[in-house]
PDB file of N, CA and C in Angstrom:
ATOM      1  N   UNK A   1       0.727  -1.280   0.137  1.00  0.00           N
ATOM      2  CA  UNK A   1      -0.227   0.433   0.025  1.00  0.00           C
ATOM      3  C   UNK A   1       0.702   1.270   0.363  1.00  0.00           C
ATOM      4  N   UNK A   2       0.888   1.813  -1.222  1.00  0.00           N
ATOM      5  CA  UNK A   2       1.634   3.136  -1.285  1.00  0.00           C
ATOM      6  C   UNK A   2       1.016   4.467  -0.986  1.00  0.00           C
ATOM      7  N   UNK A   3      -0.332   4.195  -0.977  1.00  0.00           N
ATOM      8  CA  UNK A   3      -1.028   5.729  -0.760  1.00  0.00           C
ATOM      9  C   UNK A   3      -1.173   5.667   0.771  1.00  0.00           C
ATOM     10  N   UNK A   4      -0.461   6.675   1.529  1.00  0.00           N
ATOM     11  CA  UNK A   4      -1.037   6.754   3.156  1.00  0.00           C
ATOM     12  C   UNK A   4      -2.509   7.007   3.256  1.00  0.00           C
ATOM     13  N   UNK A   5      -3.228   7.778   2.399  1.00  0.00           N
ATOM     14  CA  UNK A   5      -4.473   7.918   2.762  1.00  0.00           C
ATOM     15  C   UNK A   5      -5.405   7.071   2.671  1.00  0.00           C
ATOM     16  N   UNK A   6      -5.123   5.762   1.931  1.00  0.00           N
ATOM     17  CA  UNK A   6      -5.671   4.672   1.499  1.00  0.00           C
ATOM     18  C   UNK A   6      -5.420   3.748   2.971  1.00  0.00           C
ATOM     19  N   UNK A   7      -3.879   3.917   3.126  1.00  0.00           N
ATOM     20  CA  UNK A   7      -3.570   2.852   4.312  1.00  0.00           C
ATOM     21  C   UNK A   7      -4.205   3.331   5.785  1.00  0.00           C
ATOM     22  N   UNK A   8      -4.518   4.709   5.927  1.00  0.00           N
ATOM     23  CA  UNK A   8      -4.936   5.072   7.106  1.00  0.00           C
ATOM     24  C   UNK A   8      -6.591   4.826   7.188  1.00  0.00           C
ATOM     25  N   UNK A   9      -7.321   5.027   6.002  1.00  0.00           N
ATOM     26  CA  UNK A   9      -8.688   4.212   5.820  1.00  0.00           C
ATOM     27  C   UNK A   9      -9.036   2.890   5.754  1.00  0.00           C
ATOM     28  N   UNK A  10      -7.839   1.962   5.589  1.00  0.00           N
ATOM     29  CA  UNK A  10      -7.693   0.802   5.732  1.00  0.00           C
ATOM     30  C   UNK A  10      -7.659   0.630   6.958  1.00  0.00           C
ATOM     31  N   UNK A  11      -6.417   1.036   7.922  1.00  0.00           N
ATOM     32  CA  UNK A  11      -6.510   0.883   9.477  1.00  0.00           C
ATOM     33  C   UNK A  11      -7.753   1.301  10.223  1.00  0.00           C
ATOM     34  N   UNK A  12      -8.202   2.004   9.652  1.00  0.00           N
ATOM     35  CA  UNK A  12      -9.522   2.576  10.818  1.00  0.00           C
ATOM     36  C   UNK A  12     -10.351   1.795  10.187  1.00  0.00           C
ATOM     37  N   UNK A  13     -11.139   0.824   9.135  1.00  0.00           N
ATOM     38  CA  UNK A  13     -12.109   0.409   8.775  1.00  0.00           C
ATOM     39  C   UNK A  13     -11.531  -1.334   9.515  1.00  0.00           C
ATOM     40  N   UNK A  14     -10.505  -1.696   9.705  1.00  0.00           N
ATOM     41  CA  UNK A  14      -9.916  -3.116   9.921  1.00  0.00           C
ATOM     42  C   UNK A  14     -10.260  -2.631  11.915  1.00  0.00           C
ATOM     43  N   UNK A  15      -9.991  -1.907  12.097  1.00  0.00           N
ATOM     44  CA  UNK A  15     -10.648  -1.269  13.723  1.00  0.00           C
ATOM     45  C   UNK A  15     -11.461  -1.752  13.935  1.00  0.00           C
ATOM     46  N   UNK A  16     -11.943  -0.859  13.026  1.00  0.00           N
ATOM     47  CA  UNK A  16     -14.005  -0.589  13.555  1.00  0.00           C
ATOM     48  C   UNK A  16     -14.362  -2.450  13.553  1.00  0.00           C
ATOM     49  N   UNK A  17     -14.135  -3.186  12.530  1.00  0.00           N
ATOM     50  CA  UNK A  17     -14.643  -3.796  12.486  1.00  0.00           C
ATOM     51  C   UNK A  17     -14.066  -5.024  13.557  1.00  0.00           C
ATOM     52  N   UNK A  18     -12.989  -5.000  14.197  1.00  0.00           N
ATOM     53  CA  UNK A  18     -12.443  -6.035  15.226  1.00  0.00           C
ATOM     54  C   UNK A  18     -12.609  -5.561  16.284  1.00  0.00           C
ATOM     55  N   UNK A  19     -13.365  -3.918  16.691  1.00  0.00           N
ATOM     56  CA  UNK A  19     -13.784  -3.772  17.955  1.00  0.00           C
ATOM     57  C   UNK A  19     -15.539  -3.983  17.729  1.00  0.00           C
ATOM     58  N   UNK A  20     -16.245  -4.265  16.804  1.00  0.00           N
ATOM     59  CA  UNK A  20     -17.503  -4.538  16.821  1.00  0.00           C
ATOM     60  C   UNK A  20     -17.866  -6.532  17.241  1.00  0.00           C
ATOM     61  N   UNK A  21     -16.375  -6.532  16.849  1.00  0.00           N
ATOM     62  CA  UNK A  21     -16.007  -8.288  16.999  1.00  0.00           C
ATOM     63  C   UNK A  21     -17.040  -9.304  15.800  1.00  0.00           C
ATOM     64  N   UNK A  22     -17.132  -8.434  15.052  1.00  0.00           N
ATOM     65  CA  UNK A  22     -17.576  -9.042  13.705  1.00  0.00           C
ATOM     66  C   UNK A  22     -16.610 -10.007  13.731  1.00  0.00           C
ATOM     67  N   UNK A  23     -17.525 -11.166  13.028  1.00  0.00           N
ATOM     68  CA  UNK A  23     -16.581 -12.769  12.317  1.00  0.00           C
ATOM     69  C   UNK A  23     -16.609 -12.641  10.800  1.00  0.00           C
ATOM     70  N   UNK A  24     -16.045 -13.539  10.286  1.00  0.00           N
ATOM     71  CA  UNK A  24     -15.723 -13.546   8.757  1.00  0.00           C
ATOM     72  C   UNK A  24     -15.660 -15.256   8.922  1.00  0.00           C
ATOM     73  N   UNK A  25     -16.692 -16.050   8.883  1.00  0.00           N
ATOM     74  CA  UNK A  25     -16.988 -17.396   8.737  1.00  0.00           C
ATOM     75  C   UNK A  25     -16.817 -17.932   6.849  1.00  0.00           C
ATOM     76  N   UNK A  26     -16.336 -18.778   7.216  1.00  0.00           N
ATOM     77  CA  UNK A  26     -15.975 -19.894   6.019  1.00  0.00           C
ATOM     78  C   UNK A  26     -16.214 -21.251   6.011  1.00  0.00           C
ATOM     79  N   UNK A  27     -17.021 -22.050   4.974  1.00  0.00           N
ATOM     80  CA  UNK A  27     -16.993 -22.795   4.928  1.00  0.00           C
ATOM     81  C   UNK A  27     -16.045 -23.550   3.654  1.00  0.00           C
ATOM     82  N   UNK A  28     -15.385 -24.342   3.776  1.00  0.00           N
ATOM     83  CA  UNK A  28     -14.300 -24.982   2.314  1.00  0.00           C
ATOM     84  C   UNK A  28     -14.934 -26.571   2.115  1.00  0.00           C
ATOM     85  N   UNK A  29     -15.216 -26.747   0.923  1.00  0.00           N
ATOM     86  CA  UNK A  29     -15.125 -28.169   1.039  1.00  0.00           C
ATOM     87  C   UNK A  29     -13.377 -28.728   0.572  1.00  0.00           C
ATOM     88  N   UNK A  30     -13.849 -30.183   1.331  1.00  0.00           N
ATOM     89  CA  UNK A  30     -12.293 -30.695   1.931  1.00  0.00           C
ATOM     90  C   UNK A  30     -10.931 -30.453   0.615  1.00  0.00           C
ATOM     91  N   UNK A  31     -11.237 -30.585  -0.713  1.00  0.00           N
ATOM     92  CA  UNK A  31      -9.911 -30.077  -1.413  1.00  0.00           C
ATOM     93  C   UNK A  31      -9.949 -28.518  -1.436  1.00  0.00           C
ATOM     94  N   UNK A  32     -10.985 -27.983  -1.177  1.00  0.00           N
ATOM     95  CA  UNK A  32     -10.654 -26.405  -0.666  1.00  0.00           C
ATOM     96  C   UNK A  32      -9.827 -25.702   0.088  1.00  0.00           C
ATOM     97  N   UNK A  33     -10.050 -26.720   1.401  1.00  0.00           N
ATOM     98  CA  UNK A  33      -9.752 -26.403   2.679  1.00  0.00           C
ATOM     99  C   UNK A  33      -7.853 -27.201   2.264  1.00  0.00           C
ATOM    100  N   UNK A  34      -7.539 -27.955   1.802  1.00  0.00           N
ATOM    101  CA  UNK A  34      -6.168 -28.778   1.351  1.00  0.00           C
ATOM    102  C   UNK A  34      -5.667 -27.408   0.067  1.00  0.00           C
ATOM    103  N   UNK A  35      -6.155 -27.145  -0.652  1.00  0.00           N
ATOM    104  CA  UNK A  35      -5.587 -26.085  -1.573  1.00  0.00           C
ATOM    105  C   UNK A  35      -4.670 -24.957  -0.432  1.00  0.00           C
ATOM    106  N   UNK A  36      -5.931 -24.540   0.413  1.00  0.00           N
ATOM    107  CA  UNK A  36      -5.429 -23.572   1.247  1.00  0.00           C
ATOM    108  C   UNK A  36      -4.651 -23.829   2.490  1.00  0.00           C
ATOM    109  N   UNK A  37      -4.600 -24.694   2.954  1.00  0.00           N
ATOM    110  CA  UNK A  37      -3.045 -25.334   3.599  1.00  0.00           C
ATOM    111  C   UNK A  37      -1.966 -25.401   2.736  1.00  0.00           C
ATOM    112  N   UNK A  38      -1.786 -26.335   1.386  1.00  0.00           N
ATOM    113  CA  UNK A  38      -0.830 -25.681   0.715  1.00  0.00           C
ATOM    114  C   UNK A  38      -0.200 -24.621   0.538  1.00  0.00           C
ATOM    115  N   UNK A  39      -1.239 -23.426  -0.075  1.00  0.00           N
ATOM    116  CA  UNK A  39      -0.979 -22.124  -0.298  1.00  0.00           C
ATOM    117  C   UNK A  39      -0.213 -21.418   0.970  1.00  0.00           C
ATOM    118  N   UNK A  40      -0.734 -21.794   2.072  1.00  0.00           N
ATOM    119  CA  UNK A  40      -0.139 -21.410   3.384  1.00  0.00           C
ATOM    120  C   UNK A  40       1.192 -21.843   3.895  1.00  0.00           C
ATOM    121  N   UNK A  41       1.368 -22.833   3.300  1.00  0.00           N
ATOM    122  CA  UNK A  41       2.742 -23.570   3.239  1.00  0.00           C
ATOM    123  C   UNK A  41       3.457 -23.058   2.423  1.00  0.00           C
ATOM    124  N   UNK A  42       3.377 -22.629   1.632  1.00  0.00           N
ATOM    125  CA  UNK A  42       4.297 -22.111   0.469  1.00  0.00           C
ATOM    126  C   UNK A  42       4.618 -20.603   0.614  1.00  0.00           C
ATOM    127  N   UNK A  43       3.336 -20.061   1.324  1.00  0.00           N
ATOM    128  CA  UNK A  43       3.470 -18.666   1.587  1.00  0.00           C
ATOM    129  C   UNK A  43       4.385 -18.683   2.818  1.00  0.00           C
ATOM    130  N   UNK A  44       4.415 -19.512   3.551  1.00  0.00           N
ATOM    131  CA  UNK A  44       5.284 -19.231   4.744  1.00  0.00           C
ATOM    132  C   UNK A  44       6.776 -19.378   4.576  1.00  0.00           C
ATOM    133  N   UNK A  45       7.264 -20.253   3.283  1.00  0.00           N
ATOM    134  CA  UNK A  45       8.537 -20.672   3.030  1.00  0.00           C
ATOM    135  C   UNK A  45       9.229 -19.401   2.614  1.00  0.00           C
ATOM    136  N   UNK A  46       8.104 -18.478   2.537  1.00  0.00           N
ATOM    137  CA  UNK A  46       8.925 -17.088   2.155  1.00  0.00           C
ATOM    138  C   UNK A  46       9.713 -16.208   3.069  1.00  0.00           C
ATOM    139  N   UNK A  47      10.790 -15.721   2.652  1.00  0.00           N
ATOM    140  CA  UNK A  47      11.813 -15.354   4.048  1.00  0.00           C
ATOM    141  C   UNK A  47      11.223 -14.349   4.838  1.00  0.00           C
ATOM    142  N   UNK A  48      11.026 -13.171   3.852  1.00  0.00           N
ATOM    143  CA  UNK A  48       9.860 -12.149   4.616  1.00  0.00           C
ATOM    144  C   UNK A  48       8.664 -12.318   5.459  1.00  0.00           C
ATOM    145  N   UNK A  49       8.137 -13.254   5.263  1.00  0.00           N
ATOM    146  CA  UNK A  49       7.132 -13.425   6.175  1.00  0.00           C
ATOM    147  C   UNK A  49       7.461 -13.269   7.408  1.00  0.00           C
ATOM    148  N   UNK A  50       8.322 -13.661   8.531  1.00  0.00           N
ATOM    149  CA  UNK A  50       8.084 -13.626   9.858  1.00  0.00           C
ATOM    150  C   UNK A  50       8.948 -12.440   9.892  1.00  0.00           C
ATOM    151  N   UNK A  51      10.026 -12.351   8.969  1.00  0.00           N
ATOM    152  CA  UNK A  51      10.827 -10.996   9.036  1.00  0.00           C
ATOM    153  C   UNK A  51      10.092  -9.636   9.222  1.00  0.00           C
ATOM    154  N   UNK A  52       9.424  -9.545   7.925  1.00  0.00           N
ATOM    155  CA  UNK A  52       8.313  -8.103   7.520  1.00  0.00           C
ATOM    156  C   UNK A  52       7.131  -8.077   8.252  1.00  0.00           C
ATOM    157  N   UNK A  53       6.662  -9.201   8.087  1.00  0.00           N
ATOM    158  CA  UNK A  53       4.817  -9.150   8.768  1.00  0.00           C
ATOM    159  C   UNK A  53       4.988 -10.590  10.125  1.00  0.00           C
ATOM    160  N   UNK A  54       5.586 -10.673  11.257  1.00  0.00           N
ATOM    161  CA  UNK A  54       5.559 -11.469  12.250  1.00  0.00           C
ATOM    162  C   UNK A  54       4.285 -11.917  12.688  1.00  0.00           C
ATOM    163  N   UNK A  55       3.250 -11.364  12.926  1.00  0.00           N
ATOM    164  CA  UNK A  55       1.658 -11.248  13.352  1.00  0.00           C
ATOM    165  C   UNK A  55       0.906 -12.201  12.277  1.00  0.00           C
ATOM    166  N   UNK A  56       1.333 -11.865  10.796  1.00  0.00           N
ATOM    167  CA  UNK A  56       0.810 -12.435   9.793  1.00  0.00           C
ATOM    168  C   UNK A  56       1.356 -13.987   9.931  1.00  0.00           C
ATOM    169  N   UNK A  57       2.638 -13.988   9.951  1.00  0.00           N
ATOM    170  CA  UNK A  57       3.277 -15.176   9.425  1.00  0.00           C
ATOM    171  C   UNK A  57       2.408 -16.195  10.745  1.00  0.00           C
ATOM    172  N   UNK A  58       3.072 -15.631  12.079  1.00  0.00           N
ATOM    173  CA  UNK A  58       2.133 -16.829  13.148  1.00  0.00           C
ATOM    174  C   UNK A  58       0.939 -16.665  12.831  1.00  0.00           C
ATOM    175  N   UNK A  59      -0.073 -16.170  12.560  1.00  0.00           N
ATOM    176  CA  UNK A  59      -1.591 -16.487  12.197  1.00  0.00           C
ATOM    177  C   UNK A  59      -1.568 -17.501  11.213  1.00  0.00           C
ATOM    178  N   UNK A  60      -0.708 -17.069   9.876  1.00  0.00           N
ATOM    179  CA  UNK A  60      -1.157 -18.447   8.975  1.00  0.00           C
ATOM    180  C   UNK A  60      -0.258 -19.617   9.250  1.00  0.00           C
ATOM    181  N   UNK A  61       0.669 -19.683  10.279  1.00  0.00           N
ATOM    182  CA  UNK A  61       0.884 -20.937  10.743  1.00  0.00           C
ATOM    183  C   UNK A  61       0.238 -21.348  11.728  1.00  0.00           C
ATOM    184  N   UNK A  62      -0.711 -20.886  12.155  1.00  0.00           N
ATOM    185  CA  UNK A  62      -1.872 -21.619  13.096  1.00  0.00           C
ATOM    186  C   UNK A  62      -3.074 -22.102  12.662  1.00  0.00           C
ATOM    187  N   UNK A  63      -2.991 -21.220  11.279  1.00  0.00           N
ATOM    188  CA  UNK A  63      -4.522 -21.535  10.582  1.00  0.00           C
ATOM    189  C   UNK A  63      -4.139 -22.927   9.820  1.00  0.00           C
ATOM    190  N   UNK A  64      -2.728 -22.716   9.285  1.00  0.00           N
ATOM    191  CA  UNK A  64      -2.273 -24.045   8.380  1.00  0.00           C
ATOM    192  C   UNK A  64      -2.464 -25.045   9.432  1.00  0.00           C
ATOM    193  N   UNK A  65      -1.928 -25.100  10.628  1.00  0.00           N
ATOM    194  CA  UNK A  65      -1.891 -26.305  11.298  1.00  0.00           C
ATOM    195  C   UNK A  65      -3.165 -26.517  12.091  1.00  0.00           C
ATOM    196  N   UNK A  66      -4.021 -25.590  12.275  1.00  0.00           N
ATOM    197  CA  UNK A  66      -5.769 -25.865  12.250  1.00  0.00           C
ATOM    198  C   UNK A  66      -6.033 -26.594  11.375  1.00  0.00           C
ATOM    199  N   UNK A  67      -6.395 -26.143  10.052  1.00  0.00           N
ATOM    200  CA  UNK A  67      -6.639 -27.008   8.853  1.00  0.00           C
ATOM    201  C   UNK A  67      -5.939 -28.140   8.352  1.00  0.00           C
ATOM    202  N   UNK A  68      -4.708 -28.561   8.818  1.00  0.00           N
ATOM    203  CA  UNK A  68      -4.146 -29.879   8.917  1.00  0.00           C
ATOM    204  C   UNK A  68      -4.862 -30.795  10.488  1.00  0.00           C
ATOM    205  N   UNK A  69      -5.029 -30.332  11.298  1.00  0.00           N
ATOM    206  CA  UNK A  69      -5.754 -31.171  12.304  1.00  0.00           C
ATOM    207  C   UNK A  69      -6.821 -31.243  12.160  1.00  0.00           C
ATOM    208  N   UNK A  70      -7.516 -30.287  11.461  1.00  0.00           N
ATOM    209  CA  UNK A  70      -9.014 -30.951  11.288  1.00  0.00           C
ATOM    210  C   UNK A  70      -9.132 -31.841  10.118  1.00  0.00           C
ATOM    211  N   UNK A  71      -8.452 -31.550   8.985  1.00  0.00           N
ATOM    212  CA  UNK A  71      -8.658 -32.314   7.984  1.00  0.00           C
ATOM    213  C   UNK A  71      -7.936 -33.593   7.415  1.00  0.00           C
ATOM    214  N   UNK A  72      -6.731 -33.618   7.669  1.00  0.00           N
ATOM    215  CA  UNK A  72      -5.593 -34.857   7.599  1.00  0.00           C
ATOM    216  C   UNK A  72      -5.701 -36.137   8.574  1.00  0.00           C
ATOM    217  N   UNK A  73      -6.658 -36.558   8.627  1.00  0.00           N
ATOM    218  CA  UNK A  73      -6.761 -37.407   9.672  1.00  0.00           C
ATOM    219  C   UNK A  73      -6.455 -38.809   9.182  1.00  0.00           C
ATOM    220  N   UNK A  74      -6.318 -39.124   7.727  1.00  0.00           N
ATOM    221  CA  UNK A  74      -6.277 -40.387   7.208  1.00  0.00           C
ATOM    222  C   UNK A  74      -4.692 -40.254   6.950  1.00  0.00           C
ATOM    223  N   UNK A  75      -4.075 -41.807   6.876  1.00  0.00           N
ATOM    224  CA  UNK A  75      -2.514 -41.781   6.328  1.00  0.00           C
ATOM    225  C   UNK A  75      -2.094 -41.070   5.207  1.00  0.00           C
ATOM    226  N   UNK A  76      -2.710 -41.075   4.045  1.00  0.00           N
ATOM    227  CA  UNK A  76      -2.369 -40.391   2.924  1.00  0.00           C
ATOM    228  C   UNK A  76      -2.502 -39.038   2.948  1.00  0.00           C
ATOM    229  N   UNK A  77      -3.487 -38.601   3.548  1.00  0.00           N
ATOM    230  CA  UNK A  77      -3.366 -36.957   3.553  1.00  0.00           C
ATOM    231  C   UNK A  77      -2.582 -36.327   4.649  1.00  0.00           C
ATOM    232  N   UNK A  78      -2.170 -36.809   5.771  1.00  0.00           N
ATOM    233  CA  UNK A  78      -1.484 -36.625   6.753  1.00  0.00           C
ATOM    234  C   UNK A  78      -0.295 -36.563   6.264  1.00  0.00           C
ATOM    235  N   UNK A  79       0.274 -37.729   5.604  1.00  0.00           N
ATOM    236  CA  UNK A  79       1.547 -37.816   4.900  1.00  0.00           C
ATOM    237  C   UNK A  79       1.850 -36.368   3.607  1.00  0.00           C
ATOM    238  N   UNK A  80       0.664 -36.631   2.957  1.00  0.00           N
ATOM    239  CA  UNK A  80       1.270 -35.315   1.704  1.00  0.00           C
ATOM    240  C   UNK A  80       1.289 -33.793   2.656  1.00  0.00           C
ATOM    241  N   UNK A  81       0.520 -33.853   3.595  1.00  0.00           N
ATOM    242  CA  UNK A  81       0.482 -32.397   4.541  1.00  0.00           C
ATOM    243  C   UNK A  81       1.791 -32.326   5.096  1.00  0.00           C
ATOM    244  N   UNK A  82       2.516 -33.246   5.656  1.00  0.00           N
ATOM    245  CA  UNK A  82       3.727 -33.156   6.159  1.00  0.00           C
ATOM    246  C   UNK A  82       4.830 -32.962   5.026  1.00  0.00           C
ATOM    247  N   UNK A  83       4.812 -33.498   4.099  1.00  0.00           N
ATOM    248  CA  UNK A  83       5.698 -33.234   2.509  1.00  0.00           C
ATOM    249  C   UNK A  83       5.657 -31.471   2.548  1.00  0.00           C
ATOM    250  N   UNK A  84       4.256 -31.378   2.666  1.00  0.00           N
ATOM    251  CA  UNK A  84       4.040 -29.755   2.407  1.00  0.00           C
ATOM    252  C   UNK A  84       4.861 -28.708   2.985  1.00  0.00           C
ATOM    253  N   UNK A  85       5.548 -29.455   4.565  1.00  0.00           N
ATOM    254  CA  UNK A  85       6.121 -28.445   5.195  1.00  0.00           C
ATOM    255  C   UNK A  85       7.636 -28.480   5.615  1.00  0.00           C
ATOM    256  N   UNK A  86       7.901 -29.275   4.436  1.00  0.00           N
ATOM    257  CA  UNK A  86       9.471 -29.853   4.180  1.00  0.00           C
ATOM    258  C   UNK A  86      10.311 -29.112   3.026  1.00  0.00           C
ATOM    259  N   UNK A  87      11.254 -28.448   3.477  1.00  0.00           N
ATOM    260  CA  UNK A  87      12.058 -27.547   2.604  1.00  0.00           C
ATOM    261  C   UNK A  87      12.070 -28.359   1.102  1.00  0.00           C
ATOM    262  N   UNK A  88      11.543 -28.161  -0.017  1.00  0.00           N
ATOM    263  CA  UNK A  88      11.891 -28.482  -1.090  1.00  0.00           C
ATOM    264  C   UNK A  88      13.059 -28.585  -1.821  1.00  0.00           C
ATOM    265  N   UNK A  89      14.311 -27.739  -1.563  1.00  0.00           N
ATOM    266  CA  UNK A  89      15.495 -27.635  -1.760  1.00  0.00           C
ATOM    267  C   UNK A  89      16.535 -29.233  -1.467  1.00  0.00           C
TER     268      UNK A  89
END
């Protein structure tokens, strides 16, 4: 966000929503939840995530682990999810 005015408006809107305790519920099909887990695993590998946005990195990691614990209860799914945490290099 390069526009300081837009950034201030955005922050004010987010704060107002959080103060109202507004929730943002989602319902995913199992395949969609796994796609989200894989995307989070990939994003969390980016070196800047924890350096530049540690709160976002922590939230992303907790969300990914939450999806994994709820979804990956069978051997093959658990193994594919586990491999997603490994460094491919």
